[in-house]
Amino acid sequence: MFKPQLYALTPAGPRPLAISPDATDFTDLYHGLTLGVYSVIRTFHHNCFFQLDHHLARTVRSMRLLGWDYQLDEERLRRAIHELCTAYPAAESRVRIDILAAPATALGYDSRELLALMPFTPPPAILYEQGVALGYATGLHRTNPLVKTATFAEERKQAEDTRFYEHLLTDEHGAILEATSANFYAVRHGVLYTAGEGVLEGVTRRIVLDLVTAAAIPLQLQAVFVNELSLLDEALISSSSRGVMPVVVIGEQAIGDGKPGPITQNLMAAYNGYVEAHLQTAIYTLL
């Protein structure tokens, strides 16, 4: 089993940081740090990425929305990502990019930029074939849905219920906004619904919505409500690490006939094909 790795980015390059031998997840690596904004992305073919440009752009946008004037050295970051992923021994990895709210002096560096890597294992094929069950993250809300903060990631982990694959965020009226680490969609009478506001602007979500339009699937940017679940024909989630994943149960309610539906299956195939055609290394812009 390959262990997580954590690095501080410095002008001289990435510097390895000591981590607890018990660390198994990204959230185990940041104790004592003033967290800020972050992004997590998986590799393909060991050191290639899908939509890394957009992940970096969202990170910068999150900093600006928080009022930070911190200047990210994107070239240095890209070179570090490429170097570390290429050297990482696992076949595929998850890469977390953190821009801290304050320097990581507790770790012995003045840098505000951290890179972490851990092994990535794609979800089992059976989950895509049979679908997953979602629960609810009761009481969990994003302070600013447009900003991807590391604090929310910490809160999200505390709200997890291991009976469910993912957990949905709802507003005070019962509208389903998104999942804690994925965007959410529902299908009813051939129309795909997803919340138009109050959600993180997921990189994968943008691609999914483009594919929906290309496939001439009617789209409504409005949330469905918890009390409408029995009326749905299909449901699905999307994220950069999972792609498009079918949902067949929410809480105690089966969705449709309890199997992945045709629109979900078509979007899964279209998304996977799109990804494979658009993979790039972190340094493709520097060559």
C-alpha atoms as a PDB file:
ATOM      1  CA  MET A   1       0.000   0.000   0.000  1.00  0.00           C
ATOM      2  CA  PHE A   2       1.492   3.312  -1.058  1.00  0.00           C
ATOM      3  CA  LYS A   3       1.438   6.077   1.529  1.00  0.00           C
ATOM      4  CA  PRO A   4       0.248   9.672   1.083  1.00  0.00           C
ATOM      5  CA  GLN A   5       2.948  12.248   0.424  1.00  0.00           C
ATOM      6  CA  LEU A   6       2.936  15.952   1.305  1.00  0.00           C
ATOM      7  CA  TYR A   7       5.152  18.680  -0.136  1.00  0.00           C
ATOM      8  CA  ALA A   8       5.672  22.396   0.371  1.00  0.00           C
ATOM      9  CA  LEU A   9       6.299  24.291  -2.856  1.00  0.00           C
ATOM     10  CA  THR A  10       9.322  26.575  -2.599  1.00  0.00           C
ATOM     11  CA  PRO A  11      11.336  28.623  -5.121  1.00  0.00           C
ATOM     12  CA  ALA A  12      13.851  25.763  -5.086  1.00  0.00           C
ATOM     13  CA  GLY A  13      11.178  23.192  -5.899  1.00  0.00           C
ATOM     14  CA  PRO A  14       8.895  20.880  -3.909  1.00  0.00           C
ATOM     15  CA  ARG A  15      10.157  19.902  -0.465  1.00  0.00           C
ATOM     16  CA  PRO A  16       8.856  16.728   1.256  1.00  0.00           C
ATOM     17  CA  LEU A  17       7.139  17.159   4.609  1.00  0.00           C
ATOM     18  CA  ALA A  18       6.910  14.679   7.460  1.00  0.00           C
ATOM     19  CA  ILE A  19       3.467  13.192   7.971  1.00  0.00           C
ATOM     20  CA  SER A  20       1.957  10.858  10.533  1.00  0.00           C
ATOM     21  CA  PRO A  21       2.593   7.174   9.781  1.00  0.00           C
ATOM     22  CA  ASP A  22      -1.113   6.648  10.453  1.00  0.00           C
ATOM     23  CA  ALA A  23      -2.199   9.077   7.715  1.00  0.00           C
ATOM     24  CA  THR A  24      -4.473   7.415   5.178  1.00  0.00           C
ATOM     25  CA  ASP A  25      -6.422  10.362   3.771  1.00  0.00           C
ATOM     26  CA  PHE A  26      -5.767  13.956   2.767  1.00  0.00           C
ATOM     27  CA  THR A  27      -7.626  15.241   5.812  1.00  0.00           C
ATOM     28  CA  ASP A  28      -5.018  13.558   8.038  1.00  0.00           C
ATOM     29  CA  LEU A  29      -2.231  15.776   6.684  1.00  0.00           C
ATOM     30  CA  TYR A  30      -3.171  19.328   7.617  1.00  0.00           C
ATOM     31  CA  HIS A  31      -3.387  19.476  11.406  1.00  0.00           C
ATOM     32  CA  GLY A  32      -2.249  22.827  12.793  1.00  0.00           C
ATOM     33  CA  LEU A  33      -2.438  24.651   9.454  1.00  0.00           C
ATOM     34  CA  THR A  34      -4.595  27.634   8.517  1.00  0.00           C
ATOM     35  CA  LEU A  35      -6.531  26.115   5.654  1.00  0.00           C
ATOM     36  CA  GLY A  36      -7.613  28.086   2.619  1.00  0.00           C
ATOM     37  CA  VAL A  37      -8.690  26.960  -0.848  1.00  0.00           C
ATOM     38  CA  TYR A  38      -7.948  23.658  -2.503  1.00  0.00           C
ATOM     39  CA  SER A  39      -8.601  21.425  -5.480  1.00  0.00           C
ATOM     40  CA  VAL A  40      -8.357  17.660  -5.907  1.00  0.00           C
ATOM     41  CA  ILE A  41      -7.809  15.976  -9.251  1.00  0.00           C
ATOM     42  CA  ARG A  42      -6.975  12.436 -10.304  1.00  0.00           C
ATOM     43  CA  THR A  43      -4.388  11.228 -12.799  1.00  0.00           C
ATOM     44  CA  PHE A  44      -4.954   9.182 -15.943  1.00  0.00           C
ATOM     45  CA  HIS A  45      -2.200   7.052 -17.483  1.00  0.00           C
ATOM     46  CA  HIS A  46      -0.049   7.860 -14.420  1.00  0.00           C
ATOM     47  CA  ASN A  47       0.748  11.542 -15.086  1.00  0.00           C
ATOM     48  CA  CYS A  48      -1.970  12.939 -17.346  1.00  0.00           C
ATOM     49  CA  PHE A  49      -4.940  15.035 -16.262  1.00  0.00           C
ATOM     50  CA  PHE A  50      -8.385  16.013 -17.448  1.00  0.00           C
ATOM     51  CA  GLN A  51      -9.242  19.713 -17.222  1.00  0.00           C
ATOM     52  CA  LEU A  52      -6.334  20.665 -14.939  1.00  0.00           C
ATOM     53  CA  ASP A  53      -6.493  24.162 -16.454  1.00  0.00           C
ATOM     54  CA  HIS A  54     -10.018  24.609 -15.133  1.00  0.00           C
ATOM     55  CA  HIS A  55      -9.147  23.272 -11.682  1.00  0.00           C
ATOM     56  CA  LEU A  56      -6.321  25.812 -11.414  1.00  0.00           C
ATOM     57  CA  ALA A  57      -8.541  28.611 -12.713  1.00  0.00           C
ATOM     58  CA  ARG A  58     -11.197  27.772 -10.118  1.00  0.00           C
ATOM     59  CA  THR A  59      -8.552  27.811  -7.385  1.00  0.00           C
ATOM     60  CA  VAL A  60      -7.473  31.308  -8.433  1.00  0.00           C
ATOM     61  CA  ARG A  61     -11.102  32.421  -8.663  1.00  0.00           C
ATOM     62  CA  SER A  62     -11.771  31.095  -5.158  1.00  0.00           C
ATOM     63  CA  MET A  63      -8.840  33.142  -3.826  1.00  0.00           C
ATOM     64  CA  ARG A  64     -10.162  36.290  -5.481  1.00  0.00           C
ATOM     65  CA  LEU A  65     -13.665  35.725  -4.108  1.00  0.00           C
ATOM     66  CA  LEU A  66     -12.122  35.509  -0.635  1.00  0.00           C
ATOM     67  CA  GLY A  67     -10.394  38.840  -1.244  1.00  0.00           C
ATOM     68  CA  TRP A  68      -6.870  37.431  -1.378  1.00  0.00           C
ATOM     69  CA  ASP A  69      -4.201  39.164  -3.453  1.00  0.00           C
ATOM     70  CA  TYR A  70      -1.893  36.124  -3.377  1.00  0.00           C
ATOM     71  CA  GLN A  71      -0.200  35.510  -6.727  1.00  0.00           C
ATOM     72  CA  LEU A  72       0.002  31.865  -7.743  1.00  0.00           C
ATOM     73  CA  ASP A  73       3.092  30.866  -9.723  1.00  0.00           C
ATOM     74  CA  GLU A  74       1.279  28.535 -12.100  1.00  0.00           C
ATOM     75  CA  GLU A  75       4.382  27.465 -14.022  1.00  0.00           C
ATOM     76  CA  ARG A  76       6.130  26.379 -10.811  1.00  0.00           C
ATOM     77  CA  LEU A  77       3.000  24.578  -9.671  1.00  0.00           C
ATOM     78  CA  ARG A  78       2.600  22.747 -12.980  1.00  0.00           C
ATOM     79  CA  ARG A  79       6.227  21.613 -12.973  1.00  0.00           C
ATOM     80  CA  ALA A  80       5.912  20.350  -9.399  1.00  0.00           C
ATOM     81  CA  ILE A  81       2.710  18.447 -10.184  1.00  0.00           C
ATOM     82  CA  HIS A  82       4.335  16.786 -13.194  1.00  0.00           C
ATOM     83  CA  GLU A  83       7.521  15.912 -11.316  1.00  0.00           C
ATOM     84  CA  LEU A  84       5.772  14.458  -8.283  1.00  0.00           C
ATOM     85  CA  CYS A  85       3.108  12.512 -10.180  1.00  0.00           C
ATOM     86  CA  THR A  86       5.662  11.034 -12.557  1.00  0.00           C
ATOM     87  CA  ALA A  87       7.750   9.847  -9.595  1.00  0.00           C
ATOM     88  CA  TYR A  88       4.836   8.598  -7.465  1.00  0.00           C
ATOM     89  CA  PRO A  89       4.925   4.774  -7.356  1.00  0.00           C
ATOM     90  CA  ALA A  90       1.184   4.101  -7.555  1.00  0.00           C
ATOM     91  CA  ALA A  91      -0.321   3.462 -10.988  1.00  0.00           C
ATOM     92  CA  GLU A  92      -2.715   6.389 -10.539  1.00  0.00           C
ATOM     93  CA  SER A  93      -2.895   9.094  -7.896  1.00  0.00           C
ATOM     94  CA  ARG A  94      -5.148  11.729  -6.437  1.00  0.00           C
ATOM     95  CA  VAL A  95      -3.469  15.100  -6.256  1.00  0.00           C
ATOM     96  CA  ARG A  96      -4.558  17.791  -3.826  1.00  0.00           C
ATOM     97  CA  ILE A  97      -3.481  21.398  -4.371  1.00  0.00           C
ATOM     98  CA  ASP A  98      -3.771  23.663  -1.314  1.00  0.00           C
ATOM     99  CA  ILE A  99      -3.284  27.411  -1.115  1.00  0.00           C
ATOM    100  CA  LEU A 100      -3.204  28.138   2.604  1.00  0.00           C
ATOM    101  CA  ALA A 101      -4.622  31.222   4.260  1.00  0.00           C
ATOM    102  CA  ALA A 102      -1.284  31.673   6.067  1.00  0.00           C
ATOM    103  CA  PRO A 103       2.257  30.309   5.598  1.00  0.00           C
ATOM    104  CA  ALA A 104       2.897  26.728   6.715  1.00  0.00           C
ATOM    105  CA  THR A 105       5.316  27.782   9.453  1.00  0.00           C
ATOM    106  CA  ALA A 106       4.153  24.862  11.619  1.00  0.00           C
ATOM    107  CA  LEU A 107       5.786  22.627   9.013  1.00  0.00           C
ATOM    108  CA  GLY A 108       8.992  24.656   8.870  1.00  0.00           C
ATOM    109  CA  TYR A 109       8.293  26.541   5.635  1.00  0.00           C
ATOM    110  CA  ASP A 110       6.997  29.980   4.707  1.00  0.00           C
ATOM    111  CA  SER A 111       5.199  28.587   1.666  1.00  0.00           C
ATOM    112  CA  ARG A 112       1.427  28.822   1.368  1.00  0.00           C
ATOM    113  CA  GLU A 113       1.354  26.223  -1.406  1.00  0.00           C
ATOM    114  CA  LEU A 114       1.117  22.516  -0.616  1.00  0.00           C
ATOM    115  CA  LEU A 115       0.841  19.479  -2.858  1.00  0.00           C
ATOM    116  CA  ALA A 116      -0.339  16.125  -1.555  1.00  0.00           C
ATOM    117  CA  LEU A 117      -0.531  12.790  -3.337  1.00  0.00           C
ATOM    118  CA  MET A 118      -2.181   9.526  -2.441  1.00  0.00           C
ATOM    119  CA  PRO A 119      -3.020   6.405  -4.436  1.00  0.00           C
ATOM    120  CA  PHE A 120      -6.148   6.571  -6.558  1.00  0.00           C
ATOM    121  CA  THR A 121      -8.281   3.510  -7.107  1.00  0.00           C
ATOM    122  CA  PRO A 122     -11.188   4.077  -9.505  1.00  0.00           C
ATOM    123  CA  PRO A 123     -14.629   3.170  -8.152  1.00  0.00           C
ATOM    124  CA  PRO A 124     -15.468  -0.495  -8.780  1.00  0.00           C
ATOM    125  CA  ALA A 125     -17.176  -1.174 -12.110  1.00  0.00           C
ATOM    126  CA  ILE A 126     -20.161  -2.664 -10.287  1.00  0.00           C
ATOM    127  CA  LEU A 127     -21.085   0.784  -8.933  1.00  0.00           C
ATOM    128  CA  TYR A 128     -21.457   2.102 -12.473  1.00  0.00           C
ATOM    129  CA  GLU A 129     -23.395  -1.002 -13.479  1.00  0.00           C
ATOM    130  CA  GLN A 130     -25.777  -1.126 -10.504  1.00  0.00           C
ATOM    131  CA  GLY A 131     -25.742   2.441  -9.140  1.00  0.00           C
ATOM    132  CA  VAL A 132     -25.194   3.812  -5.646  1.00  0.00           C
ATOM    133  CA  ALA A 133     -27.230   4.948  -2.644  1.00  0.00           C
ATOM    134  CA  LEU A 134     -27.083   8.502  -1.308  1.00  0.00           C
ATOM    135  CA  GLY A 135     -27.946   9.868   2.108  1.00  0.00           C
ATOM    136  CA  TYR A 136     -28.226  13.417   3.443  1.00  0.00           C
ATOM    137  CA  ALA A 137     -25.583  15.619   5.039  1.00  0.00           C
ATOM    138  CA  THR A 138     -27.965  17.080   7.592  1.00  0.00           C
ATOM    139  CA  GLY A 139     -27.014  20.587   8.705  1.00  0.00           C
ATOM    140  CA  LEU A 140     -24.038  20.898   6.349  1.00  0.00           C
ATOM    141  CA  HIS A 141     -23.928  23.973   4.101  1.00  0.00           C
ATOM    142  CA  ARG A 142     -21.334  25.812   2.047  1.00  0.00           C
ATOM    143  CA  THR A 143     -20.752  29.361   3.297  1.00  0.00           C
ATOM    144  CA  ASN A 144     -20.061  30.458  -0.275  1.00  0.00           C
ATOM    145  CA  PRO A 145     -20.941  27.828  -2.900  1.00  0.00           C
ATOM    146  CA  LEU A 146     -18.641  29.471  -5.464  1.00  0.00           C
ATOM    147  CA  VAL A 147     -15.539  29.022  -3.276  1.00  0.00           C
ATOM    148  CA  LYS A 148     -13.952  25.602  -2.750  1.00  0.00           C
ATOM    149  CA  THR A 149     -12.561  25.858   0.783  1.00  0.00           C
ATOM    150  CA  ALA A 150     -10.562  23.266   2.689  1.00  0.00           C
ATOM    151  CA  THR A 151     -12.596  24.018   5.821  1.00  0.00           C
ATOM    152  CA  PHE A 152     -15.693  22.625   4.099  1.00  0.00           C
ATOM    153  CA  ALA A 153     -13.756  19.462   3.234  1.00  0.00           C
ATOM    154  CA  GLU A 154     -13.005  18.957   6.937  1.00  0.00           C
ATOM    155  CA  GLU A 155     -16.657  19.509   7.909  1.00  0.00           C
ATOM    156  CA  ARG A 156     -17.810  17.181   5.140  1.00  0.00           C
ATOM    157  CA  LYS A 157     -15.804  14.269   6.509  1.00  0.00           C
ATOM    158  CA  GLN A 158     -17.421  14.671   9.932  1.00  0.00           C
ATOM    159  CA  ALA A 159     -20.900  14.498   8.368  1.00  0.00           C
ATOM    160  CA  GLU A 160     -20.324  11.197   6.549  1.00  0.00           C
ATOM    161  CA  ASP A 161     -22.605   8.216   7.153  1.00  0.00           C
ATOM    162  CA  THR A 162     -20.858   5.043   6.017  1.00  0.00           C
ATOM    163  CA  ARG A 163     -24.154   3.450   4.975  1.00  0.00           C
ATOM    164  CA  PHE A 164     -24.199   5.710   1.924  1.00  0.00           C
ATOM    165  CA  TYR A 165     -21.840   6.303  -0.979  1.00  0.00           C
ATOM    166  CA  GLU A 166     -22.356  10.087  -0.909  1.00  0.00           C
ATOM    167  CA  HIS A 167     -24.439  12.661   0.929  1.00  0.00           C
ATOM    168  CA  LEU A 168     -26.722  15.368  -0.407  1.00  0.00           C
ATOM    169  CA  LEU A 169     -26.907  19.001   0.641  1.00  0.00           C
ATOM    170  CA  THR A 170     -30.374  20.528   0.787  1.00  0.00           C
ATOM    171  CA  ASP A 171     -31.611  24.019   1.512  1.00  0.00           C
ATOM    172  CA  GLU A 172     -34.150  24.973   4.164  1.00  0.00           C
ATOM    173  CA  HIS A 173     -37.012  24.250   1.742  1.00  0.00           C
ATOM    174  CA  GLY A 174     -35.871  20.730   0.895  1.00  0.00           C
ATOM    175  CA  ALA A 175     -34.370  21.556  -2.489  1.00  0.00           C
ATOM    176  CA  ILE A 176     -31.513  19.201  -3.375  1.00  0.00           C
ATOM    177  CA  LEU A 177     -28.487  21.326  -4.272  1.00  0.00           C
ATOM    178  CA  GLU A 178     -25.515  18.995  -4.688  1.00  0.00           C
ATOM    179  CA  ALA A 179     -23.588  16.232  -2.957  1.00  0.00           C
ATOM    180  CA  THR A 180     -20.751  16.920  -0.545  1.00  0.00           C
ATOM    181  CA  SER A 181     -18.086  16.142  -3.161  1.00  0.00           C
ATOM    182  CA  ALA A 182     -20.096  15.885  -6.372  1.00  0.00           C
ATOM    183  CA  ASN A 183     -22.784  17.621  -8.379  1.00  0.00           C
ATOM    184  CA  PHE A 184     -26.285  16.125  -8.490  1.00  0.00           C
ATOM    185  CA  TYR A 185     -28.738  15.665 -11.345  1.00  0.00           C
ATOM    186  CA  ALA A 186     -32.201  14.154 -11.680  1.00  0.00           C
ATOM    187  CA  VAL A 187     -34.227  12.987 -14.679  1.00  0.00           C
ATOM    188  CA  ARG A 188     -37.994  13.129 -14.980  1.00  0.00           C
ATOM    189  CA  HIS A 189     -39.950  12.521 -18.189  1.00  0.00           C
ATOM    190  CA  GLY A 190     -36.778  12.821 -20.251  1.00  0.00           C
ATOM    191  CA  VAL A 191     -35.759  16.204 -18.795  1.00  0.00           C
ATOM    192  CA  LEU A 192     -32.527  16.560 -16.812  1.00  0.00           C
ATOM    193  CA  TYR A 193     -32.729  18.800 -13.735  1.00  0.00           C
ATOM    194  CA  THR A 194     -29.872  20.243 -11.698  1.00  0.00           C
ATOM    195  CA  ALA A 195     -29.752  23.200  -9.315  1.00  0.00           C
ATOM    196  CA  GLY A 196     -28.878  26.420 -11.125  1.00  0.00           C
ATOM    197  CA  GLU A 197     -27.583  28.277  -8.071  1.00  0.00           C
ATOM    198  CA  GLY A 198     -26.292  27.606  -4.589  1.00  0.00           C
ATOM    199  CA  VAL A 199     -23.852  24.953  -5.842  1.00  0.00           C
ATOM    200  CA  LEU A 200     -20.136  24.652  -6.470  1.00  0.00           C
ATOM    201  CA  GLU A 201     -19.321  25.243 -10.124  1.00  0.00           C
ATOM    202  CA  GLY A 202     -17.865  21.790 -10.621  1.00  0.00           C
ATOM    203  CA  VAL A 203     -15.381  21.340 -13.454  1.00  0.00           C
ATOM    204  CA  THR A 204     -16.998  18.020 -14.351  1.00  0.00           C
ATOM    205  CA  ARG A 205     -20.471  19.561 -14.138  1.00  0.00           C
ATOM    206  CA  ARG A 206     -19.607  21.992 -16.927  1.00  0.00           C
ATOM    207  CA  ILE A 207     -18.602  19.109 -19.205  1.00  0.00           C
ATOM    208  CA  VAL A 208     -21.707  17.099 -18.300  1.00  0.00           C
ATOM    209  CA  LEU A 209     -23.991  20.023 -19.123  1.00  0.00           C
ATOM    210  CA  ASP A 210     -22.210  20.505 -22.453  1.00  0.00           C
ATOM    211  CA  LEU A 211     -22.755  16.814 -23.231  1.00  0.00           C
ATOM    212  CA  VAL A 212     -26.411  17.104 -22.248  1.00  0.00           C
ATOM    213  CA  THR A 213     -26.822  19.957 -24.720  1.00  0.00           C
ATOM    214  CA  ALA A 214     -24.921  18.092 -27.448  1.00  0.00           C
ATOM    215  CA  ALA A 215     -27.200  15.073 -26.980  1.00  0.00           C
ATOM    216  CA  ALA A 216     -30.302  17.304 -27.247  1.00  0.00           C
ATOM    217  CA  ILE A 217     -31.473  16.247 -23.789  1.00  0.00           C
ATOM    218  CA  PRO A 218     -33.872  18.878 -22.400  1.00  0.00           C
ATOM    219  CA  LEU A 219     -32.225  20.695 -19.481  1.00  0.00           C
ATOM    220  CA  GLN A 220     -33.712  22.651 -16.592  1.00  0.00           C
ATOM    221  CA  LEU A 221     -31.366  24.513 -14.233  1.00  0.00           C
ATOM    222  CA  GLN A 222     -33.602  24.091 -11.218  1.00  0.00           C
ATOM    223  CA  ALA A 223     -33.394  21.866  -8.190  1.00  0.00           C
ATOM    224  CA  VAL A 224     -35.680  18.970  -7.435  1.00  0.00           C
ATOM    225  CA  PHE A 225     -37.059  18.620  -3.921  1.00  0.00           C
ATOM    226  CA  VAL A 226     -36.795  15.788  -1.448  1.00  0.00           C
ATOM    227  CA  ASN A 227     -40.564  15.299  -1.558  1.00  0.00           C
ATOM    228  CA  GLU A 228     -40.358  14.764  -5.342  1.00  0.00           C
ATOM    229  CA  LEU A 229     -37.967  11.807  -5.255  1.00  0.00           C
ATOM    230  CA  SER A 230     -40.710   9.246  -5.880  1.00  0.00           C
ATOM    231  CA  LEU A 231     -41.480  11.033  -9.163  1.00  0.00           C
ATOM    232  CA  LEU A 232     -37.964  10.751 -10.595  1.00  0.00           C
ATOM    233  CA  ASP A 233     -36.999   8.320 -13.336  1.00  0.00           C
ATOM    234  CA  GLU A 234     -33.218   8.603 -12.887  1.00  0.00           C
ATOM    235  CA  ALA A 235     -30.601  10.341 -10.762  1.00  0.00           C
ATOM    236  CA  LEU A 236     -26.851  10.723 -11.079  1.00  0.00           C
ATOM    237  CA  ILE A 237     -23.836  12.512  -9.641  1.00  0.00           C
ATOM    238  CA  SER A 238     -20.611  13.711 -11.222  1.00  0.00           C
ATOM    239  CA  SER A 239     -17.135  14.569  -9.993  1.00  0.00           C
ATOM    240  CA  SER A 240     -13.635  14.641 -11.418  1.00  0.00           C
ATOM    241  CA  SER A 241     -12.605  11.432  -9.635  1.00  0.00           C
ATOM    242  CA  ARG A 242     -15.755   9.430 -10.398  1.00  0.00           C
ATOM    243  CA  GLY A 243     -16.964  10.832 -13.704  1.00  0.00           C
ATOM    244  CA  VAL A 244     -20.694  10.199 -14.079  1.00  0.00           C
ATOM    245  CA  MET A 245     -22.124   7.821 -11.465  1.00  0.00           C
ATOM    246  CA  PRO A 246     -25.726   6.500 -11.438  1.00  0.00           C
ATOM    247  CA  VAL A 247     -27.829   6.895  -8.283  1.00  0.00           C
ATOM    248  CA  VAL A 248     -30.555   4.330  -7.613  1.00  0.00           C
ATOM    249  CA  VAL A 249     -31.510   5.045  -3.985  1.00  0.00           C
ATOM    250  CA  ILE A 250     -31.733   8.291  -1.988  1.00  0.00           C
ATOM    251  CA  GLY A 251     -32.384   7.816   1.703  1.00  0.00           C
ATOM    252  CA  GLU A 252     -35.038   5.110   1.766  1.00  0.00           C
ATOM    253  CA  GLN A 253     -36.475   6.015  -1.653  1.00  0.00           C
ATOM    254  CA  ALA A 254     -35.693   3.949  -4.746  1.00  0.00           C
ATOM    255  CA  ILE A 255     -35.206   6.082  -7.859  1.00  0.00           C
ATOM    256  CA  GLY A 256     -37.236   4.967 -10.880  1.00  0.00           C
ATOM    257  CA  ASP A 257     -37.038   1.203 -11.248  1.00  0.00           C
ATOM    258  CA  GLY A 258     -33.946   1.028  -9.039  1.00  0.00           C
ATOM    259  CA  LYS A 259     -31.538   0.616 -11.960  1.00  0.00           C
ATOM    260  CA  PRO A 260     -29.339   3.055 -13.922  1.00  0.00           C
ATOM    261  CA  GLY A 261     -31.488   4.607 -16.634  1.00  0.00           C
ATOM    262  CA  PRO A 262     -30.793   5.245 -20.327  1.00  0.00           C
ATOM    263  CA  ILE A 263     -29.956   8.940 -20.030  1.00  0.00           C
ATOM    264  CA  THR A 264     -27.478   8.228 -17.246  1.00  0.00           C
ATOM    265  CA  GLN A 265     -25.895   5.410 -19.243  1.00  0.00           C
ATOM    266  CA  ASN A 266     -25.589   7.589 -22.344  1.00  0.00           C
ATOM    267  CA  LEU A 267     -23.974  10.389 -20.340  1.00  0.00           C
ATOM    268  CA  MET A 268     -21.523   7.957 -18.724  1.00  0.00           C
ATOM    269  CA  ALA A 269     -20.385   6.720 -22.133  1.00  0.00           C
ATOM    270  CA  ALA A 270     -20.196  10.217 -23.619  1.00  0.00           C
ATOM    271  CA  TYR A 271     -18.254  11.571 -20.655  1.00  0.00           C
ATOM    272  CA  ASN A 272     -15.734   8.720 -20.635  1.00  0.00           C
ATOM    273  CA  GLY A 273     -15.094   9.180 -24.340  1.00  0.00           C
ATOM    274  CA  TYR A 274     -14.672  12.928 -23.935  1.00  0.00           C
ATOM    275  CA  VAL A 275     -12.176  12.477 -21.107  1.00  0.00           C
ATOM    276  CA  GLU A 276     -10.000  10.033 -23.015  1.00  0.00           C
ATOM    277  CA  ALA A 277      -9.817  12.441 -25.957  1.00  0.00           C
ATOM    278  CA  HIS A 278      -8.769  15.427 -23.822  1.00  0.00           C
ATOM    279  CA  LEU A 279      -6.020  14.167 -21.485  1.00  0.00           C
ATOM    280  CA  GLN A 280      -2.874  16.281 -21.070  1.00  0.00           C
ATOM    281  CA  THR A 281       0.168  16.394 -18.816  1.00  0.00           C
ATOM    282  CA  ALA A 282       0.463  19.192 -16.266  1.00  0.00           C
ATOM    283  CA  ILE A 283       3.257  20.803 -18.294  1.00  0.00           C
ATOM    284  CA  TYR A 284       1.717  20.659 -21.767  1.00  0.00           C
ATOM    285  CA  THR A 285       1.439  24.466 -21.774  1.00  0.00           C
ATOM    286  CA  LEU A 286       5.162  24.791 -21.023  1.00  0.00           C
ATOM    287  CA  LEU A 287       6.466  22.611 -23.859  1.00  0.00           C
END
